[in-house]
Amino acid sequence: VVRLAPRRHPLTRDEEEERRVRRLIRAVFQRRRQQLQRVLRETWRLTPEAAAGALAAAGIEAAARPEELSPDRFVALARAVAAA
């Protein structure tokens, strides 16, 4: 049995940020065996430097894979990609 309980305080700031996080999660899990840096470059057409910078800003290693991230890391990455 799995029990899901909503968080008292959402991780995202608003609906727009939640949409960005959901888009990011869909994109990375469609390519789940690829490293995050490559997914960012291909999906958002970021340069290798911009993708590496977004990952570094979110505190994520360039060689990380989607299944290694926690929910708060996905939010941090979505924020970093939006700023890139």
PDB file of N, CA and C in Angstrom:
ATOM      1  N   VAL A   1       0.847  -1.167   0.000  1.00  0.00           N
ATOM      2  CA  VAL A   1       0.000   0.000   0.000  1.00  0.00           C
ATOM      3  C   VAL A   1       0.892   1.229   0.000  1.00  0.00           C
ATOM      4  N   VAL A   2       0.546   2.165  -0.845  1.00  0.00           N
ATOM      5  CA  VAL A   2       1.272   3.430  -0.913  1.00  0.00           C
ATOM      6  C   VAL A   2       0.332   4.543  -0.479  1.00  0.00           C
ATOM      7  N   ARG A   3       0.818   5.379   0.399  1.00  0.00           N
ATOM      8  CA  ARG A   3       0.006   6.493   0.862  1.00  0.00           C
ATOM      9  C   ARG A   3       0.681   7.787   0.428  1.00  0.00           C
ATOM     10  N   LEU A   4      -0.050   8.626  -0.283  1.00  0.00           N
ATOM     11  CA  LEU A   4       0.471   9.910  -0.733  1.00  0.00           C
ATOM     12  C   LEU A   4      -0.179  11.014   0.085  1.00  0.00           C
ATOM     13  N   ALA A   5       0.633  11.893   0.578  1.00  0.00           N
ATOM     14  CA  ALA A   5       0.120  13.027   1.342  1.00  0.00           C
ATOM     15  C   ALA A   5       0.666  14.313   0.725  1.00  0.00           C
ATOM     16  N   PRO A   6      -0.184  15.295   0.494  1.00  0.00           N
ATOM     17  CA  PRO A   6       0.313  16.556  -0.082  1.00  0.00           C
ATOM     18  C   PRO A   6       1.236  17.275   0.898  1.00  0.00           C
ATOM     19  N   ARG A   7       2.172  18.013   0.355  1.00  0.00           N
ATOM     20  CA  ARG A   7       3.086  18.797   1.182  1.00  0.00           C
ATOM     21  C   ARG A   7       2.329  19.976   1.798  1.00  0.00           C
ATOM     22  N   ARG A   8       2.745  20.353   2.964  1.00  0.00           N
ATOM     23  CA  ARG A   8       2.135  21.536   3.596  1.00  0.00           C
ATOM     24  C   ARG A   8       2.506  22.798   2.820  1.00  0.00           C
ATOM     25  N   HIS A   9       3.754  22.844   2.360  1.00  0.00           N
ATOM     26  CA  HIS A   9       4.245  23.996   1.603  1.00  0.00           C
ATOM     27  C   HIS A   9       4.801  23.474   0.282  1.00  0.00           C
ATOM     28  N   PRO A  10       4.220  23.884  -0.831  1.00  0.00           N
ATOM     29  CA  PRO A  10       4.700  23.387  -2.127  1.00  0.00           C
ATOM     30  C   PRO A  10       6.149  23.812  -2.397  1.00  0.00           C
ATOM     31  N   LEU A  11       6.834  23.015  -3.192  1.00  0.00           N
ATOM     32  CA  LEU A  11       8.215  23.329  -3.550  1.00  0.00           C
ATOM     33  C   LEU A  11       8.296  24.476  -4.551  1.00  0.00           C
ATOM     34  N   THR A  12       7.271  24.617  -5.385  1.00  0.00           N
ATOM     35  CA  THR A  12       7.276  25.666  -6.401  1.00  0.00           C
ATOM     36  C   THR A  12       6.618  26.927  -5.868  1.00  0.00           C
ATOM     37  N   ARG A  13       7.011  28.041  -6.455  1.00  0.00           N
ATOM     38  CA  ARG A  13       6.506  29.339  -5.999  1.00  0.00           C
ATOM     39  C   ARG A  13       5.127  29.678  -6.537  1.00  0.00           C
ATOM     40  N   ASP A  14       4.881  29.282  -7.800  1.00  0.00           N
ATOM     41  CA  ASP A  14       3.611  29.621  -8.438  1.00  0.00           C
ATOM     42  C   ASP A  14       3.303  28.607  -9.536  1.00  0.00           C
ATOM     43  N   GLU A  15       2.178  28.803 -10.213  1.00  0.00           N
ATOM     44  CA  GLU A  15       1.757  27.843 -11.248  1.00  0.00           C
ATOM     45  C   GLU A  15       2.713  27.819 -12.436  1.00  0.00           C
ATOM     46  N   GLU A  16       3.250  28.956 -12.806  1.00  0.00           N
ATOM     47  CA  GLU A  16       4.194  29.006 -13.928  1.00  0.00           C
ATOM     48  C   GLU A  16       5.444  28.180 -13.624  1.00  0.00           C
ATOM     49  N   GLU A  17       5.966  28.309 -12.435  1.00  0.00           N
ATOM     50  CA  GLU A  17       7.141  27.527 -12.058  1.00  0.00           C
ATOM     51  C   GLU A  17       6.802  26.033 -12.008  1.00  0.00           C
ATOM     52  N   GLU A  18       5.617  25.711 -11.544  1.00  0.00           N
ATOM     53  CA  GLU A  18       5.207  24.307 -11.522  1.00  0.00           C
ATOM     54  C   GLU A  18       5.144  23.740 -12.935  1.00  0.00           C
ATOM     55  N   ARG A  19       4.643  24.527 -13.889  1.00  0.00           N
ATOM     56  CA  ARG A  19       4.618  24.073 -15.290  1.00  0.00           C
ATOM     57  C   ARG A  19       6.026  23.828 -15.810  1.00  0.00           C
ATOM     58  N   ARG A  20       6.972  24.717 -15.465  1.00  0.00           N
ATOM     59  CA  ARG A  20       8.366  24.533 -15.905  1.00  0.00           C
ATOM     60  C   ARG A  20       8.966  23.265 -15.306  1.00  0.00           C
ATOM     61  N   VAL A  21       8.677  23.018 -14.036  1.00  0.00           N
ATOM     62  CA  VAL A  21       9.210  21.808 -13.377  1.00  0.00           C
ATOM     63  C   VAL A  21       8.619  20.561 -14.023  1.00  0.00           C
ATOM     64  N   ARG A  22       7.317  20.572 -14.278  1.00  0.00           N
ATOM     65  CA  ARG A  22       6.683  19.410 -14.922  1.00  0.00           C
ATOM     66  C   ARG A  22       7.257  19.171 -16.319  1.00  0.00           C
ATOM     67  N   ARG A  23       7.489  20.241 -17.073  1.00  0.00           N
ATOM     68  CA  ARG A  23       8.077  20.098 -18.419  1.00  0.00           C
ATOM     69  C   ARG A  23       9.479  19.498 -18.316  1.00  0.00           C
ATOM     70  N   LEU A  24      10.246  19.975 -17.352  1.00  0.00           N
ATOM     71  CA  LEU A  24      11.597  19.444 -17.148  1.00  0.00           C
ATOM     72  C   LEU A  24      11.555  17.970 -16.795  1.00  0.00           C
ATOM     73  N   ILE A  25      10.691  17.593 -15.872  1.00  0.00           N
ATOM     74  CA  ILE A  25      10.606  16.192 -15.443  1.00  0.00           C
ATOM     75  C   ILE A  25      10.202  15.301 -16.610  1.00  0.00           C
ATOM     76  N   ARG A  26       9.222  15.734 -17.393  1.00  0.00           N
ATOM     77  CA  ARG A  26       8.827  14.939 -18.567  1.00  0.00           C
ATOM     78  C   ARG A  26       9.992  14.773 -19.530  1.00  0.00           C
ATOM     79  N   ALA A  27      10.692  15.861 -19.801  1.00  0.00           N
ATOM     80  CA  ALA A  27      11.800  15.819 -20.757  1.00  0.00           C
ATOM     81  C   ALA A  27      12.915  14.891 -20.302  1.00  0.00           C
ATOM     82  N   VAL A  28      13.300  14.988 -19.038  1.00  0.00           N
ATOM     83  CA  VAL A  28      14.431  14.167 -18.595  1.00  0.00           C
ATOM     84  C   VAL A  28      14.067  12.697 -18.468  1.00  0.00           C
ATOM     85  N   PHE A  29      12.825  12.387 -18.099  1.00  0.00           N
ATOM     86  CA  PHE A  29      12.470  10.974 -17.977  1.00  0.00           C
ATOM     87  C   PHE A  29      12.109  10.342 -19.319  1.00  0.00           C
ATOM     88  N   GLN A  30      11.868  11.139 -20.348  1.00  0.00           N
ATOM     89  CA  GLN A  30      11.728  10.569 -21.680  1.00  0.00           C
ATOM     90  C   GLN A  30      13.076  10.106 -22.197  1.00  0.00           C
ATOM     91  N   ARG A  31      14.131  10.674 -21.658  1.00  0.00           N
ATOM     92  CA  ARG A  31      15.504  10.301 -22.028  1.00  0.00           C
ATOM     93  C   ARG A  31      16.258   9.867 -20.772  1.00  0.00           C
ATOM     94  N   ARG A  32      15.661   9.028 -19.977  1.00  0.00           N
ATOM     95  CA  ARG A  32      16.170   8.720 -18.646  1.00  0.00           C
ATOM     96  C   ARG A  32      17.545   8.081 -18.609  1.00  0.00           C
ATOM     97  N   ARG A  33      18.009   7.484 -19.669  1.00  0.00           N
ATOM     98  CA  ARG A  33      19.342   6.883 -19.651  1.00  0.00           C
ATOM     99  C   ARG A  33      20.407   7.871 -20.107  1.00  0.00           C
ATOM    100  N   GLN A  34      20.010   9.060 -20.477  1.00  0.00           N
ATOM    101  CA  GLN A  34      20.989  10.071 -20.869  1.00  0.00           C
ATOM    102  C   GLN A  34      21.363  10.923 -19.667  1.00  0.00           C
ATOM    103  N   GLN A  35      22.529  11.500 -19.740  1.00  0.00           N
ATOM    104  CA  GLN A  35      22.941  12.418 -18.685  1.00  0.00           C
ATOM    105  C   GLN A  35      22.150  13.716 -18.816  1.00  0.00           C
ATOM    106  N   LEU A  36      21.936  14.372 -17.689  1.00  0.00           N
ATOM    107  CA  LEU A  36      21.122  15.582 -17.671  1.00  0.00           C
ATOM    108  C   LEU A  36      21.684  16.683 -18.557  1.00  0.00           C
ATOM    109  N   GLN A  37      22.979  16.802 -18.627  1.00  0.00           N
ATOM    110  CA  GLN A  37      23.577  17.850 -19.444  1.00  0.00           C
ATOM    111  C   GLN A  37      23.152  17.713 -20.906  1.00  0.00           C
ATOM    112  N   ARG A  38      23.128  16.508 -21.402  1.00  0.00           N
ATOM    113  CA  ARG A  38      22.738  16.287 -22.792  1.00  0.00           C
ATOM    114  C   ARG A  38      21.254  16.585 -22.998  1.00  0.00           C
ATOM    115  N   VAL A  39      20.425  16.187 -22.051  1.00  0.00           N
ATOM    116  CA  VAL A  39      18.986  16.456 -22.158  1.00  0.00           C
ATOM    117  C   VAL A  39      18.740  17.955 -22.197  1.00  0.00           C
ATOM    118  N   LEU A  40      19.426  18.707 -21.350  1.00  0.00           N
ATOM    119  CA  LEU A  40      19.252  20.161 -21.340  1.00  0.00           C
ATOM    120  C   LEU A  40      19.688  20.785 -22.664  1.00  0.00           C
ATOM    121  N   ARG A  41      20.798  20.309 -23.189  1.00  0.00           N
ATOM    122  CA  ARG A  41      21.280  20.849 -24.471  1.00  0.00           C
ATOM    123  C   ARG A  41      20.292  20.571 -25.586  1.00  0.00           C
ATOM    124  N   GLU A  42      19.754  19.360 -25.635  1.00  0.00           N
ATOM    125  CA  GLU A  42      18.868  18.982 -26.731  1.00  0.00           C
ATOM    126  C   GLU A  42      17.462  19.562 -26.582  1.00  0.00           C
ATOM    127  N   THR A  43      16.918  19.579 -25.384  1.00  0.00           N
ATOM    128  CA  THR A  43      15.548  20.015 -25.177  1.00  0.00           C
ATOM    129  C   THR A  43      15.421  21.531 -25.197  1.00  0.00           C
ATOM    130  N   TRP A  44      16.336  22.225 -24.528  1.00  0.00           N
ATOM    131  CA  TRP A  44      16.256  23.683 -24.445  1.00  0.00           C
ATOM    132  C   TRP A  44      17.253  24.363 -25.365  1.00  0.00           C
ATOM    133  N   ARG A  45      17.949  23.588 -26.173  1.00  0.00           N
ATOM    134  CA  ARG A  45      18.938  24.107 -27.120  1.00  0.00           C
ATOM    135  C   ARG A  45      19.971  25.014 -26.435  1.00  0.00           C
ATOM    136  N   LEU A  46      20.435  24.547 -25.290  1.00  0.00           N
ATOM    137  CA  LEU A  46      21.464  25.278 -24.557  1.00  0.00           C
ATOM    138  C   LEU A  46      22.836  24.890 -25.078  1.00  0.00           C
ATOM    139  N   THR A  47      23.760  25.811 -24.994  1.00  0.00           N
ATOM    140  CA  THR A  47      25.145  25.485 -25.321  1.00  0.00           C
ATOM    141  C   THR A  47      25.680  24.568 -24.222  1.00  0.00           C
ATOM    142  N   PRO A  48      26.743  23.834 -24.504  1.00  0.00           N
ATOM    143  CA  PRO A  48      27.318  22.986 -23.452  1.00  0.00           C
ATOM    144  C   PRO A  48      27.687  23.788 -22.201  1.00  0.00           C
ATOM    145  N   GLU A  49      28.181  25.011 -22.391  1.00  0.00           N
ATOM    146  CA  GLU A  49      28.556  25.847 -21.253  1.00  0.00           C
ATOM    147  C   GLU A  49      27.329  26.272 -20.454  1.00  0.00           C
ATOM    148  N   ALA A  50      26.244  26.644 -21.145  1.00  0.00           N
ATOM    149  CA  ALA A  50      25.020  27.072 -20.469  1.00  0.00           C
ATOM    150  C   ALA A  50      24.388  25.903 -19.711  1.00  0.00           C
ATOM    151  N   ALA A  51      24.399  24.715 -20.312  1.00  0.00           N
ATOM    152  CA  ALA A  51      23.842  23.531 -19.649  1.00  0.00           C
ATOM    153  C   ALA A  51      24.655  23.189 -18.407  1.00  0.00           C
ATOM    154  N   ALA A  52      25.979  23.228 -18.523  1.00  0.00           N
ATOM    155  CA  ALA A  52      26.841  22.949 -17.376  1.00  0.00           C
ATOM    156  C   ALA A  52      26.648  24.006 -16.295  1.00  0.00           C
ATOM    157  N   GLY A  53      26.460  25.256 -16.697  1.00  0.00           N
ATOM    158  CA  GLY A  53      26.229  26.334 -15.741  1.00  0.00           C
ATOM    159  C   GLY A  53      24.914  26.171 -15.000  1.00  0.00           C
ATOM    160  N   ALA A  54      23.858  25.758 -15.711  1.00  0.00           N
ATOM    161  CA  ALA A  54      22.557  25.538 -15.070  1.00  0.00           C
ATOM    162  C   ALA A  54      22.647  24.401 -14.065  1.00  0.00           C
ATOM    163  N   LEU A  55      23.337  23.329 -14.433  1.00  0.00           N
ATOM    164  CA  LEU A  55      23.504  22.205 -13.513  1.00  0.00           C
ATOM    165  C   LEU A  55      24.313  22.623 -12.288  1.00  0.00           C
ATOM    166  N   ALA A  56      25.377  23.375 -12.510  1.00  0.00           N
ATOM    167  CA  ALA A  56      26.205  23.834 -11.391  1.00  0.00           C
ATOM    168  C   ALA A  56      25.407  24.764 -10.472  1.00  0.00           C
ATOM    169  N   ALA A  57      24.605  25.650 -11.057  1.00  0.00           N
ATOM    170  CA  ALA A  57      23.795  26.568 -10.261  1.00  0.00           C
ATOM    171  C   ALA A  57      22.782  25.814  -9.399  1.00  0.00           C
ATOM    172  N   ALA A  58      22.322  24.664  -9.895  1.00  0.00           N
ATOM    173  CA  ALA A  58      21.361  23.849  -9.148  1.00  0.00           C
ATOM    174  C   ALA A  58      22.058  22.874  -8.201  1.00  0.00           C
ATOM    175  N   GLY A  59      23.392  22.840  -8.230  1.00  0.00           N
ATOM    176  CA  GLY A  59      24.134  21.940  -7.352  1.00  0.00           C
ATOM    177  C   GLY A  59      24.088  20.493  -7.799  1.00  0.00           C
ATOM    178  N   ILE A  60      24.057  20.290  -9.129  1.00  0.00           N
ATOM    179  CA  ILE A  60      23.936  18.945  -9.693  1.00  0.00           C
ATOM    180  C   ILE A  60      25.160  18.660 -10.558  1.00  0.00           C
ATOM    181  N   GLU A  61      25.706  17.459 -10.447  1.00  0.00           N
ATOM    182  CA  GLU A  61      26.850  17.071 -11.267  1.00  0.00           C
ATOM    183  C   GLU A  61      26.441  16.957 -12.731  1.00  0.00           C
ATOM    184  N   ALA A  62      27.343  17.293 -13.636  1.00  0.00           N
ATOM    185  CA  ALA A  62      27.046  17.263 -15.068  1.00  0.00           C
ATOM    186  C   ALA A  62      26.719  15.858 -15.562  1.00  0.00           C
ATOM    187  N   ALA A  63      27.279  14.837 -14.942  1.00  0.00           N
ATOM    188  CA  ALA A  63      27.055  13.458 -15.377  1.00  0.00           C
ATOM    189  C   ALA A  63      25.858  12.809 -14.691  1.00  0.00           C
ATOM    190  N   ALA A  64      25.095  13.559 -13.915  1.00  0.00           N
ATOM    191  CA  ALA A  64      23.955  12.992 -13.178  1.00  0.00           C
ATOM    192  C   ALA A  64      22.862  12.522 -14.134  1.00  0.00           C
ATOM    193  N   ARG A  65      22.101  11.575 -13.662  1.00  0.00           N
ATOM    194  CA  ARG A  65      20.957  11.054 -14.415  1.00  0.00           C
ATOM    195  C   ARG A  65      19.684  11.388 -13.646  1.00  0.00           C
ATOM    196  N   PRO A  66      18.548  11.449 -14.333  1.00  0.00           N
ATOM    197  CA  PRO A  66      17.294  11.890 -13.698  1.00  0.00           C
ATOM    198  C   PRO A  66      16.902  11.127 -12.441  1.00  0.00           C
ATOM    199  N   GLU A  67      17.116   9.830 -12.420  1.00  0.00           N
ATOM    200  CA  GLU A  67      16.675   9.027 -11.274  1.00  0.00           C
ATOM    201  C   GLU A  67      17.480   9.311 -10.009  1.00  0.00           C
ATOM    202  N   GLU A  68      18.558  10.064 -10.127  1.00  0.00           N
ATOM    203  CA  GLU A  68      19.396  10.389  -8.982  1.00  0.00           C
ATOM    204  C   GLU A  68      18.950  11.663  -8.256  1.00  0.00           C
ATOM    205  N   LEU A  69      18.007  12.408  -8.829  1.00  0.00           N
ATOM    206  CA  LEU A  69      17.622  13.707  -8.269  1.00  0.00           C
ATOM    207  C   LEU A  69      16.428  13.618  -7.333  1.00  0.00           C
ATOM    208  N   SER A  70      16.450  14.456  -6.332  1.00  0.00           N
ATOM    209  CA  SER A  70      15.312  14.589  -5.416  1.00  0.00           C
ATOM    210  C   SER A  70      14.359  15.649  -5.986  1.00  0.00           C
ATOM    211  N   PRO A  71      13.138  15.714  -5.500  1.00  0.00           N
ATOM    212  CA  PRO A  71      12.195  16.716  -6.004  1.00  0.00           C
ATOM    213  C   PRO A  71      12.712  18.147  -5.887  1.00  0.00           C
ATOM    214  N   ASP A  72      13.372  18.480  -4.799  1.00  0.00           N
ATOM    215  CA  ASP A  72      13.870  19.853  -4.664  1.00  0.00           C
ATOM    216  C   ASP A  72      14.994  20.154  -5.651  1.00  0.00           C
ATOM    217  N   ARG A  73      15.752  19.151  -6.065  1.00  0.00           N
ATOM    218  CA  ARG A  73      16.785  19.342  -7.095  1.00  0.00           C
ATOM    219  C   ARG A  73      16.142  19.631  -8.461  1.00  0.00           C
ATOM    220  N   PHE A  74      15.012  18.981  -8.758  1.00  0.00           N
ATOM    221  CA  PHE A  74      14.301  19.275 -10.010  1.00  0.00           C
ATOM    222  C   PHE A  74      13.812  20.717 -10.027  1.00  0.00           C
ATOM    223  N   VAL A  75      13.313  21.201  -8.897  1.00  0.00           N
ATOM    224  CA  VAL A  75      12.848  22.589  -8.818  1.00  0.00           C
ATOM    225  C   VAL A  75      14.035  23.531  -9.002  1.00  0.00           C
ATOM    226  N   ALA A  76      15.145  23.251  -8.340  1.00  0.00           N
ATOM    227  CA  ALA A  76      16.338  24.085  -8.479  1.00  0.00           C
ATOM    228  C   ALA A  76      16.837  24.090  -9.918  1.00  0.00           C
ATOM    229  N   LEU A  77      16.804  22.941 -10.573  1.00  0.00           N
ATOM    230  CA  LEU A  77      17.247  22.856 -11.952  1.00  0.00           C
ATOM    231  C   LEU A  77      16.312  23.621 -12.886  1.00  0.00           C
ATOM    232  N   ALA A  78      15.015  23.530 -12.665  1.00  0.00           N
ATOM    233  CA  ALA A  78      14.058  24.273 -13.488  1.00  0.00           C
ATOM    234  C   ALA A  78      14.298  25.778 -13.344  1.00  0.00           C
ATOM    235  N   ARG A  79      14.592  26.225 -12.143  1.00  0.00           N
ATOM    236  CA  ARG A  79      14.894  27.645 -11.923  1.00  0.00           C
ATOM    237  C   ARG A  79      16.174  28.042 -12.640  1.00  0.00           C
ATOM    238  N   ALA A  80      17.186  27.196 -12.582  1.00  0.00           N
ATOM    239  CA  ALA A  80      18.464  27.496 -13.220  1.00  0.00           C
ATOM    240  C   ALA A  80      18.332  27.514 -14.743  1.00  0.00           C
ATOM    241  N   VAL A  81      17.534  26.596 -15.296  1.00  0.00           N
ATOM    242  CA  VAL A  81      17.325  26.569 -16.749  1.00  0.00           C
ATOM    243  C   VAL A  81      16.581  27.821 -17.187  1.00  0.00           C
ATOM    244  N   ALA A  82      15.608  28.256 -16.402  1.00  0.00           N
ATOM    245  CA  ALA A  82      14.844  29.466 -16.745  1.00  0.00           C
ATOM    246  C   ALA A  82      15.753  30.694 -16.737  1.00  0.00           C
ATOM    247  N   ALA A  83      16.752  30.688 -15.883  1.00  0.00           N
ATOM    248  CA  ALA A  83      17.668  31.825 -15.794  1.00  0.00           C
ATOM    249  C   ALA A  83      18.772  31.758 -16.854  1.00  0.00           C
ATOM    250  N   ALA A  84      18.971  30.594 -17.462  1.00  0.00           N
ATOM    251  CA  ALA A  84      20.065  30.416 -18.442  1.00  0.00           C
ATOM    252  C   ALA A  84      19.759  31.096 -19.759  1.00  0.00           C
TER     253      ALA A  84
END
